[in-house]
């Protein structure tokens, strides 16, 4: 029973992290003069920022079953799949 509660809370934590990174990116959306970005510029910045954060997160998770970091095609494949699932 306790295992079921842990699995049920995991998706909530994941979606919370996504929301946190979104607000983090919005907080970083300022121009070179320190003014907050607005409109299309803000949307573009936030989208690029979230993609960059997702890739960095996926690359840090790219570890083989033996505990060693993945490399080459295996890493590229893992990161691509991870980013695709993170975007959903």
PDB file of N, CA and C in Angstrom:
ATOM      1  N   UNK A   1       0.814  -1.180   0.000  1.00  0.00           N
ATOM      2  CA  UNK A   1       0.000   0.000   0.000  1.00  0.00           C
ATOM      3  C   UNK A   1       0.863   1.250   0.000  1.00  0.00           C
ATOM      4  N   UNK A   2       1.938   1.259   0.781  1.00  0.00           N
ATOM      5  CA  UNK A   2       2.813   2.424   0.841  1.00  0.00           C
ATOM      6  C   UNK A   2       3.475   2.666  -0.510  1.00  0.00           C
ATOM      7  N   UNK A   3       3.765   1.581  -1.236  1.00  0.00           N
ATOM      8  CA  UNK A   3       4.384   1.732  -2.550  1.00  0.00           C
ATOM      9  C   UNK A   3       3.450   2.465  -3.511  1.00  0.00           C
ATOM     10  N   UNK A   4       2.165   2.181  -3.427  1.00  0.00           N
ATOM     11  CA  UNK A   4       1.189   2.823  -4.306  1.00  0.00           C
ATOM     12  C   UNK A   4       1.129   4.318  -4.024  1.00  0.00           C
ATOM     13  N   UNK A   5       1.269   4.713  -2.773  1.00  0.00           N
ATOM     14  CA  UNK A   5       1.245   6.133  -2.434  1.00  0.00           C
ATOM     15  C   UNK A   5       2.483   6.828  -2.983  1.00  0.00           C
ATOM     16  N   UNK A   6       3.622   6.177  -2.923  1.00  0.00           N
ATOM     17  CA  UNK A   6       4.858   6.756  -3.441  1.00  0.00           C
ATOM     18  C   UNK A   6       4.758   6.977  -4.943  1.00  0.00           C
ATOM     19  N   UNK A   7       4.218   5.986  -5.677  1.00  0.00           N
ATOM     20  CA  UNK A   7       4.090   6.135  -7.121  1.00  0.00           C
ATOM     21  C   UNK A   7       3.094   7.225  -7.465  1.00  0.00           C
ATOM     22  N   UNK A   8       2.056   7.357  -6.690  1.00  0.00           N
ATOM     23  CA  UNK A   8       1.041   8.359  -6.976  1.00  0.00           C
ATOM     24  C   UNK A   8       1.585   9.760  -6.752  1.00  0.00           C
ATOM     25  N   UNK A   9       2.484   9.925  -5.800  1.00  0.00           N
ATOM     26  CA  UNK A   9       3.013  11.254  -5.534  1.00  0.00           C
ATOM     27  C   UNK A   9       4.134  11.638  -6.495  1.00  0.00           C
ATOM     28  N   UNK A  10       4.750  10.664  -7.156  1.00  0.00           N
ATOM     29  CA  UNK A  10       5.853  10.958  -8.074  1.00  0.00           C
ATOM     30  C   UNK A  10       5.421  11.837  -9.246  1.00  0.00           C
ATOM     31  N   UNK A  11       4.302  11.569  -9.934  1.00  0.00           N
ATOM     32  CA  UNK A  11       3.913  12.452 -11.023  1.00  0.00           C
ATOM     33  C   UNK A  11       3.634  13.876 -10.555  1.00  0.00           C
ATOM     34  N   UNK A  12       3.097  14.026  -9.371  1.00  0.00           N
ATOM     35  CA  UNK A  12       2.825  15.359  -8.852  1.00  0.00           C
ATOM     36  C   UNK A  12       4.128  16.123  -8.661  1.00  0.00           C
ATOM     37  N   UNK A  13       5.146  15.442  -8.176  1.00  0.00           N
ATOM     38  CA  UNK A  13       6.437  16.094  -7.979  1.00  0.00           C
ATOM     39  C   UNK A  13       7.050  16.472  -9.317  1.00  0.00           C
ATOM     40  N   UNK A  14       6.892  15.620 -10.319  1.00  0.00           N
ATOM     41  CA  UNK A  14       7.440  15.900 -11.638  1.00  0.00           C
ATOM     42  C   UNK A  14       6.768  17.121 -12.246  1.00  0.00           C
ATOM     43  N   UNK A  15       5.438  17.187 -12.176  1.00  0.00           N
ATOM     44  CA  UNK A  15       4.748  18.324 -12.754  1.00  0.00           C
ATOM     45  C   UNK A  15       5.071  19.590 -11.974  1.00  0.00           C
ATOM     46  N   UNK A  16       5.326  19.462 -10.681  1.00  0.00           N
ATOM     47  CA  UNK A  16       5.720  20.617  -9.889  1.00  0.00           C
ATOM     48  C   UNK A  16       7.071  21.144 -10.318  1.00  0.00           C
ATOM     49  N   UNK A  17       7.996  20.241 -10.640  1.00  0.00           N
ATOM     50  CA  UNK A  17       9.307  20.661 -11.100  1.00  0.00           C
ATOM     51  C   UNK A  17       9.218  21.377 -12.428  1.00  0.00           C
ATOM     52  N   UNK A  18       8.333  20.926 -13.303  1.00  0.00           N
ATOM     53  CA  UNK A  18       8.150  21.580 -14.592  1.00  0.00           C
ATOM     54  C   UNK A  18       7.621  22.985 -14.387  1.00  0.00           C
ATOM     55  N   UNK A  19       6.682  23.139 -13.487  1.00  0.00           N
ATOM     56  CA  UNK A  19       6.141  24.463 -13.203  1.00  0.00           C
ATOM     57  C   UNK A  19       7.215  25.360 -12.595  1.00  0.00           C
ATOM     58  N   UNK A  20       8.053  24.776 -11.752  1.00  0.00           N
ATOM     59  CA  UNK A  20       9.117  25.551 -11.134  1.00  0.00           C
ATOM     60  C   UNK A  20      10.104  26.038 -12.186  1.00  0.00           C
ATOM     61  N   UNK A  21      10.469  25.186 -13.130  1.00  0.00           N
ATOM     62  CA  UNK A  21      11.427  25.601 -14.145  1.00  0.00           C
ATOM     63  C   UNK A  21      10.805  26.654 -15.053  1.00  0.00           C
ATOM     64  N   UNK A  22       9.496  26.570 -15.294  1.00  0.00           N
ATOM     65  CA  UNK A  22       8.814  27.573 -16.099  1.00  0.00           C
ATOM     66  C   UNK A  22       8.857  28.930 -15.430  1.00  0.00           C
ATOM     67  N   UNK A  23       8.580  28.975 -14.135  1.00  0.00           N
ATOM     68  CA  UNK A  23       8.618  30.248 -13.421  1.00  0.00           C
ATOM     69  C   UNK A  23      10.060  30.730 -13.278  1.00  0.00           C
ATOM     70  N   UNK A  24      11.002  29.796 -13.186  1.00  0.00           N
ATOM     71  CA  UNK A  24      12.409  30.154 -13.128  1.00  0.00           C
ATOM     72  C   UNK A  24      12.824  30.834 -14.435  1.00  0.00           C
ATOM     73  N   UNK A  25      12.377  30.274 -15.548  1.00  0.00           N
ATOM     74  CA  UNK A  25      12.690  30.863 -16.851  1.00  0.00           C
ATOM     75  C   UNK A  25      12.029  32.223 -17.002  1.00  0.00           C
ATOM     76  N   UNK A  26      10.810  32.349 -16.505  1.00  0.00           N
ATOM     77  CA  UNK A  26      10.127  33.643 -16.586  1.00  0.00           C
ATOM     78  C   UNK A  26      10.861  34.688 -15.755  1.00  0.00           C
ATOM     79  N   UNK A  27      11.412  34.283 -14.620  1.00  0.00           N
ATOM     80  CA  UNK A  27      12.155  35.212 -13.779  1.00  0.00           C
ATOM     81  C   UNK A  27      13.441  35.672 -14.463  1.00  0.00           C
ATOM     82  N   UNK A  28      14.008  34.806 -15.296  1.00  0.00           N
ATOM     83  CA  UNK A  28      15.241  35.146 -16.011  1.00  0.00           C
ATOM     84  C   UNK A  28      14.991  35.970 -17.272  1.00  0.00           C
ATOM     85  N   UNK A  29      13.726  36.132 -17.662  1.00  0.00           N
ATOM     86  CA  UNK A  29      13.372  36.806 -18.919  1.00  0.00           C
ATOM     87  C   UNK A  29      13.459  38.315 -18.782  1.00  0.00           C
ATOM     88  N   UNK A  30      14.694  38.827 -18.805  1.00  0.00           N
ATOM     89  CA  UNK A  30      14.924  40.272 -18.733  1.00  0.00           C
ATOM     90  C   UNK A  30      15.843  40.690 -19.876  1.00  0.00           C
ATOM     91  N   UNK A  31      15.699  41.929 -20.336  1.00  0.00           N
ATOM     92  CA  UNK A  31      16.563  42.403 -21.419  1.00  0.00           C
ATOM     93  C   UNK A  31      17.899  42.875 -20.856  1.00  0.00           C
ATOM     94  N   UNK A  32      18.759  43.379 -21.725  1.00  0.00           N
ATOM     95  CA  UNK A  32      20.099  43.766 -21.285  1.00  0.00           C
ATOM     96  C   UNK A  32      20.085  44.967 -20.344  1.00  0.00           C
ATOM     97  N   UNK A  33      18.964  45.710 -20.304  1.00  0.00           N
ATOM     98  CA  UNK A  33      18.847  46.859 -19.402  1.00  0.00           C
ATOM     99  C   UNK A  33      18.206  46.477 -18.069  1.00  0.00           C
ATOM    100  N   UNK A  34      17.858  45.206 -17.913  1.00  0.00           N
ATOM    101  CA  UNK A  34      17.272  44.740 -16.673  1.00  0.00           C
ATOM    102  C   UNK A  34      15.756  44.833 -16.622  1.00  0.00           C
ATOM    103  N   UNK A  35      15.140  45.240 -17.736  1.00  0.00           N
ATOM    104  CA  UNK A  35      13.680  45.338 -17.781  1.00  0.00           C
ATOM    105  C   UNK A  35      13.098  43.985 -18.167  1.00  0.00           C
ATOM    106  N   UNK A  36      11.942  43.645 -17.610  1.00  0.00           N
ATOM    107  CA  UNK A  36      11.314  42.357 -17.962  1.00  0.00           C
ATOM    108  C   UNK A  36      10.901  42.322 -19.432  1.00  0.00           C
ATOM    109  N   UNK A  37      11.109  41.168 -20.066  1.00  0.00           N
ATOM    110  CA  UNK A  37      10.669  40.991 -21.442  1.00  0.00           C
ATOM    111  C   UNK A  37       9.150  40.842 -21.465  1.00  0.00           C
ATOM    112  N   UNK A  38       8.550  41.157 -22.603  1.00  0.00           N
ATOM    113  CA  UNK A  38       7.095  41.039 -22.742  1.00  0.00           C
ATOM    114  C   UNK A  38       6.767  40.515 -24.131  1.00  0.00           C
ATOM    115  N   UNK A  39       5.578  39.982 -24.281  1.00  0.00           N
ATOM    116  CA  UNK A  39       5.077  39.547 -25.580  1.00  0.00           C
ATOM    117  C   UNK A  39       5.872  38.412 -26.193  1.00  0.00           C
ATOM    118  N   UNK A  40       6.100  38.533 -27.508  1.00  0.00           N
ATOM    119  CA  UNK A  40       6.772  37.477 -28.267  1.00  0.00           C
ATOM    120  C   UNK A  40       8.199  37.237 -27.780  1.00  0.00           C
ATOM    121  N   UNK A  41       8.898  38.297 -27.396  1.00  0.00           N
ATOM    122  CA  UNK A  41      10.270  38.137 -26.916  1.00  0.00           C
ATOM    123  C   UNK A  41      10.304  37.283 -25.645  1.00  0.00           C
ATOM    124  N   UNK A  42       9.354  37.529 -24.748  1.00  0.00           N
ATOM    125  CA  UNK A  42       9.292  36.751 -23.505  1.00  0.00           C
ATOM    126  C   UNK A  42       8.936  35.296 -23.805  1.00  0.00           C
ATOM    127  N   UNK A  43       7.941  35.090 -24.676  1.00  0.00           N
ATOM    128  CA  UNK A  43       7.530  33.730 -25.019  1.00  0.00           C
ATOM    129  C   UNK A  43       8.678  32.953 -25.640  1.00  0.00           C
ATOM    130  N   UNK A  44       9.412  33.589 -26.547  1.00  0.00           N
ATOM    131  CA  UNK A  44      10.540  32.945 -27.201  1.00  0.00           C
ATOM    132  C   UNK A  44      11.626  32.593 -26.183  1.00  0.00           C
ATOM    133  N   UNK A  45      11.932  33.530 -25.299  1.00  0.00           N
ATOM    134  CA  UNK A  45      12.969  33.302 -24.295  1.00  0.00           C
ATOM    135  C   UNK A  45      12.592  32.153 -23.372  1.00  0.00           C
ATOM    136  N   UNK A  46      11.352  32.151 -22.882  1.00  0.00           N
ATOM    137  CA  UNK A  46      10.906  31.116 -21.946  1.00  0.00           C
ATOM    138  C   UNK A  46      10.924  29.748 -22.621  1.00  0.00           C
ATOM    139  N   UNK A  47      10.481  29.682 -23.868  1.00  0.00           N
ATOM    140  CA  UNK A  47      10.467  28.408 -24.601  1.00  0.00           C
ATOM    141  C   UNK A  47      11.891  27.871 -24.755  1.00  0.00           C
ATOM    142  N   UNK A  48      12.820  28.727 -25.152  1.00  0.00           N
ATOM    143  CA  UNK A  48      14.212  28.315 -25.329  1.00  0.00           C
ATOM    144  C   UNK A  48      14.830  27.916 -23.987  1.00  0.00           C
ATOM    145  N   UNK A  49      14.533  28.661 -22.953  1.00  0.00           N
ATOM    146  CA  UNK A  49      15.065  28.387 -21.622  1.00  0.00           C
ATOM    147  C   UNK A  49      14.587  27.031 -21.114  1.00  0.00           C
ATOM    148  N   UNK A  50      13.306  26.741 -21.273  1.00  0.00           N
ATOM    149  CA  UNK A  50      12.755  25.473 -20.798  1.00  0.00           C
ATOM    150  C   UNK A  50      13.352  24.299 -21.569  1.00  0.00           C
ATOM    151  N   UNK A  51      13.571  24.480 -22.872  1.00  0.00           N
ATOM    152  CA  UNK A  51      14.169  23.421 -23.678  1.00  0.00           C
ATOM    153  C   UNK A  51      15.606  23.155 -23.214  1.00  0.00           C
ATOM    154  N   UNK A  52      16.340  24.215 -22.939  1.00  0.00           N
ATOM    155  CA  UNK A  52      17.720  24.087 -22.471  1.00  0.00           C
ATOM    156  C   UNK A  52      17.769  23.386 -21.115  1.00  0.00           C
ATOM    157  N   UNK A  53      16.852  23.769 -20.214  1.00  0.00           N
ATOM    158  CA  UNK A  53      16.822  23.140 -18.892  1.00  0.00           C
ATOM    159  C   UNK A  53      16.437  21.666 -18.990  1.00  0.00           C
ATOM    160  N   UNK A  54      15.504  21.345 -19.899  1.00  0.00           N
ATOM    161  CA  UNK A  54      15.090  19.954 -20.072  1.00  0.00           C
ATOM    162  C   UNK A  54      16.253  19.119 -20.587  1.00  0.00           C
ATOM    163  N   UNK A  55      17.006  19.669 -21.546  1.00  0.00           N
ATOM    164  CA  UNK A  55      18.144  18.928 -22.102  1.00  0.00           C
ATOM    165  C   UNK A  55      19.205  18.701 -21.028  1.00  0.00           C
ATOM    166  N   UNK A  56      19.486  19.712 -20.238  1.00  0.00           N
ATOM    167  CA  UNK A  56      20.483  19.569 -19.177  1.00  0.00           C
ATOM    168  C   UNK A  56      20.039  18.522 -18.156  1.00  0.00           C
ATOM    169  N   UNK A  57      18.753  18.530 -17.843  1.00  0.00           N
ATOM    170  CA  UNK A  57      18.213  17.554 -16.901  1.00  0.00           C
ATOM    171  C   UNK A  57      18.325  16.140 -17.466  1.00  0.00           C
ATOM    172  N   UNK A  58      17.992  15.993 -18.745  1.00  0.00           N
ATOM    173  CA  UNK A  58      18.056  14.669 -19.380  1.00  0.00           C
ATOM    174  C   UNK A  58      19.494  14.172 -19.486  1.00  0.00           C
ATOM    175  N   UNK A  59      20.426  15.058 -19.798  1.00  0.00           N
ATOM    176  CA  UNK A  59      21.829  14.650 -19.912  1.00  0.00           C
ATOM    177  C   UNK A  59      22.365  14.176 -18.566  1.00  0.00           C
ATOM    178  N   UNK A  60      21.916  14.797 -17.485  1.00  0.00           N
ATOM    179  CA  UNK A  60      22.392  14.371 -16.168  1.00  0.00           C
ATOM    180  C   UNK A  60      21.818  13.010 -15.777  1.00  0.00           C
ATOM    181  N   UNK A  61      20.684  12.628 -16.372  1.00  0.00           N
ATOM    182  CA  UNK A  61      20.065  11.335 -16.084  1.00  0.00           C
ATOM    183  C   UNK A  61      20.573  10.220 -16.991  1.00  0.00           C
ATOM    184  N   UNK A  62      21.399  10.538 -17.990  1.00  0.00           N
ATOM    185  CA  UNK A  62      21.872   9.560 -18.975  1.00  0.00           C
ATOM    186  C   UNK A  62      22.974   8.686 -18.382  1.00  0.00           C
ATOM    187  N   UNK A  63      22.540   7.710 -17.583  1.00  0.00           N
ATOM    188  CA  UNK A  63      23.471   6.804 -16.912  1.00  0.00           C
ATOM    189  C   UNK A  63      23.049   5.376 -17.232  1.00  0.00           C
ATOM    190  N   UNK A  64      24.008   4.549 -17.573  1.00  0.00           N
ATOM    191  CA  UNK A  64      23.731   3.158 -17.898  1.00  0.00           C
ATOM    192  C   UNK A  64      23.380   2.341 -16.671  1.00  0.00           C
ATOM    193  N   UNK A  65      22.979   1.102 -16.886  1.00  0.00           N
ATOM    194  CA  UNK A  65      22.602   0.213 -15.782  1.00  0.00           C
ATOM    195  C   UNK A  65      23.792  -0.128 -14.887  1.00  0.00           C
ATOM    196  N   UNK A  66      25.002   0.050 -15.410  1.00  0.00           N
ATOM    197  CA  UNK A  66      26.200  -0.216 -14.613  1.00  0.00           C
ATOM    198  C   UNK A  66      26.655   1.014 -13.825  1.00  0.00           C
ATOM    199  N   UNK A  67      25.919   2.114 -13.944  1.00  0.00           N
ATOM    200  CA  UNK A  67      26.242   3.325 -13.195  1.00  0.00           C
ATOM    201  C   UNK A  67      27.174   4.277 -13.909  1.00  0.00           C
ATOM    202  N   UNK A  68      27.654   3.884 -15.088  1.00  0.00           N
ATOM    203  CA  UNK A  68      28.559   4.755 -15.848  1.00  0.00           C
ATOM    204  C   UNK A  68      27.742   5.649 -16.781  1.00  0.00           C
ATOM    205  N   UNK A  69      28.228   6.862 -17.034  1.00  0.00           N
ATOM    206  CA  UNK A  69      27.513   7.757 -17.946  1.00  0.00           C
ATOM    207  C   UNK A  69      27.450   7.183 -19.360  1.00  0.00           C
ATOM    208  N   UNK A  70      26.316   7.390 -20.020  1.00  0.00           N
ATOM    209  CA  UNK A  70      26.181   6.952 -21.412  1.00  0.00           C
ATOM    210  C   UNK A  70      27.014   7.866 -22.303  1.00  0.00           C
ATOM    211  N   UNK A  71      27.393   7.357 -23.473  1.00  0.00           N
ATOM    212  CA  UNK A  71      28.172   8.145 -24.413  1.00  0.00           C
ATOM    213  C   UNK A  71      27.732   7.811 -25.835  1.00  0.00           C
ATOM    214  N   UNK A  72      28.035   8.691 -26.755  1.00  0.00           N
ATOM    215  CA  UNK A  72      27.778   8.439 -28.172  1.00  0.00           C
ATOM    216  C   UNK A  72      26.312   8.309 -28.513  1.00  0.00           C
ATOM    217  N   UNK A  73      26.007   7.322 -29.372  1.00  0.00           N
ATOM    218  CA  UNK A  73      24.650   7.123 -29.876  1.00  0.00           C
ATOM    219  C   UNK A  73      23.675   6.760 -28.762  1.00  0.00           C
ATOM    220  N   UNK A  74      24.130   6.011 -27.770  1.00  0.00           N
ATOM    221  CA  UNK A  74      23.251   5.632 -26.662  1.00  0.00           C
ATOM    222  C   UNK A  74      22.807   6.865 -25.880  1.00  0.00           C
ATOM    223  N   UNK A  75      23.741   7.781 -25.637  1.00  0.00           N
ATOM    224  CA  UNK A  75      23.414   9.011 -24.918  1.00  0.00           C
ATOM    225  C   UNK A  75      22.477   9.867 -25.753  1.00  0.00           C
ATOM    226  N   UNK A  76      22.776  10.017 -27.041  1.00  0.00           N
ATOM    227  CA  UNK A  76      21.938  10.835 -27.923  1.00  0.00           C
ATOM    228  C   UNK A  76      20.513  10.301 -27.978  1.00  0.00           C
ATOM    229  N   UNK A  77      20.383   8.985 -28.076  1.00  0.00           N
ATOM    230  CA  UNK A  77      19.070   8.353 -28.122  1.00  0.00           C
ATOM    231  C   UNK A  77      18.315   8.564 -26.807  1.00  0.00           C
ATOM    232  N   UNK A  78      19.010   8.376 -25.686  1.00  0.00           N
ATOM    233  CA  UNK A  78      18.377   8.553 -24.380  1.00  0.00           C
ATOM    234  C   UNK A  78      17.902   9.989 -24.202  1.00  0.00           C
ATOM    235  N   UNK A  79      18.759  10.964 -24.534  1.00  0.00           N
ATOM    236  CA  UNK A  79      18.415  12.376 -24.361  1.00  0.00           C
ATOM    237  C   UNK A  79      17.234  12.745 -25.254  1.00  0.00           C
ATOM    238  N   UNK A  80      17.230  12.254 -26.481  1.00  0.00           N
ATOM    239  CA  UNK A  80      16.129  12.553 -27.402  1.00  0.00           C
ATOM    240  C   UNK A  80      14.806  12.020 -26.854  1.00  0.00           C
ATOM    241  N   UNK A  81      14.817  10.774 -26.365  1.00  0.00           N
ATOM    242  CA  UNK A  81      13.602  10.173 -25.811  1.00  0.00           C
ATOM    243  C   UNK A  81      13.176  10.900 -24.541  1.00  0.00           C
ATOM    244  N   UNK A  82      14.119  11.236 -23.706  1.00  0.00           N
ATOM    245  CA  UNK A  82      13.837  11.929 -22.452  1.00  0.00           C
ATOM    246  C   UNK A  82      13.204  13.306 -22.716  1.00  0.00           C
ATOM    247  N   UNK A  83      13.754  14.046 -23.682  1.00  0.00           N
ATOM    248  CA  UNK A  83      13.206  15.365 -24.019  1.00  0.00           C
ATOM    249  C   UNK A  83      11.793  15.244 -24.588  1.00  0.00           C
ATOM    250  N   UNK A  84      11.552  14.206 -25.374  1.00  0.00           N
ATOM    251  CA  UNK A  84      10.227  14.016 -25.954  1.00  0.00           C
ATOM    252  C   UNK A  84       9.200  13.741 -24.868  1.00  0.00           C
ATOM    253  N   UNK A  85       9.563  12.937 -23.881  1.00  0.00           N
ATOM    254  CA  UNK A  85       8.623  12.641 -22.799  1.00  0.00           C
ATOM    255  C   UNK A  85       8.487  13.813 -21.839  1.00  0.00           C
ATOM    256  N   UNK A  86       9.544  14.620 -21.696  1.00  0.00           N
ATOM    257  CA  UNK A  86       9.486  15.778 -20.804  1.00  0.00           C
ATOM    258  C   UNK A  86       8.567  16.861 -21.377  1.00  0.00           C
ATOM    259  N   UNK A  87       8.479  16.943 -22.686  1.00  0.00           N
ATOM    260  CA  UNK A  87       7.645  17.945 -23.327  1.00  0.00           C
ATOM    261  C   UNK A  87       6.167  17.643 -23.266  1.00  0.00           C
ATOM    262  N   UNK A  88       5.802  16.418 -22.876  1.00  0.00           N
ATOM    263  CA  UNK A  88       4.379  16.030 -22.840  1.00  0.00           C
ATOM    264  C   UNK A  88       3.764  16.300 -21.509  1.00  0.00           C
TER     265      UNK A  88
END
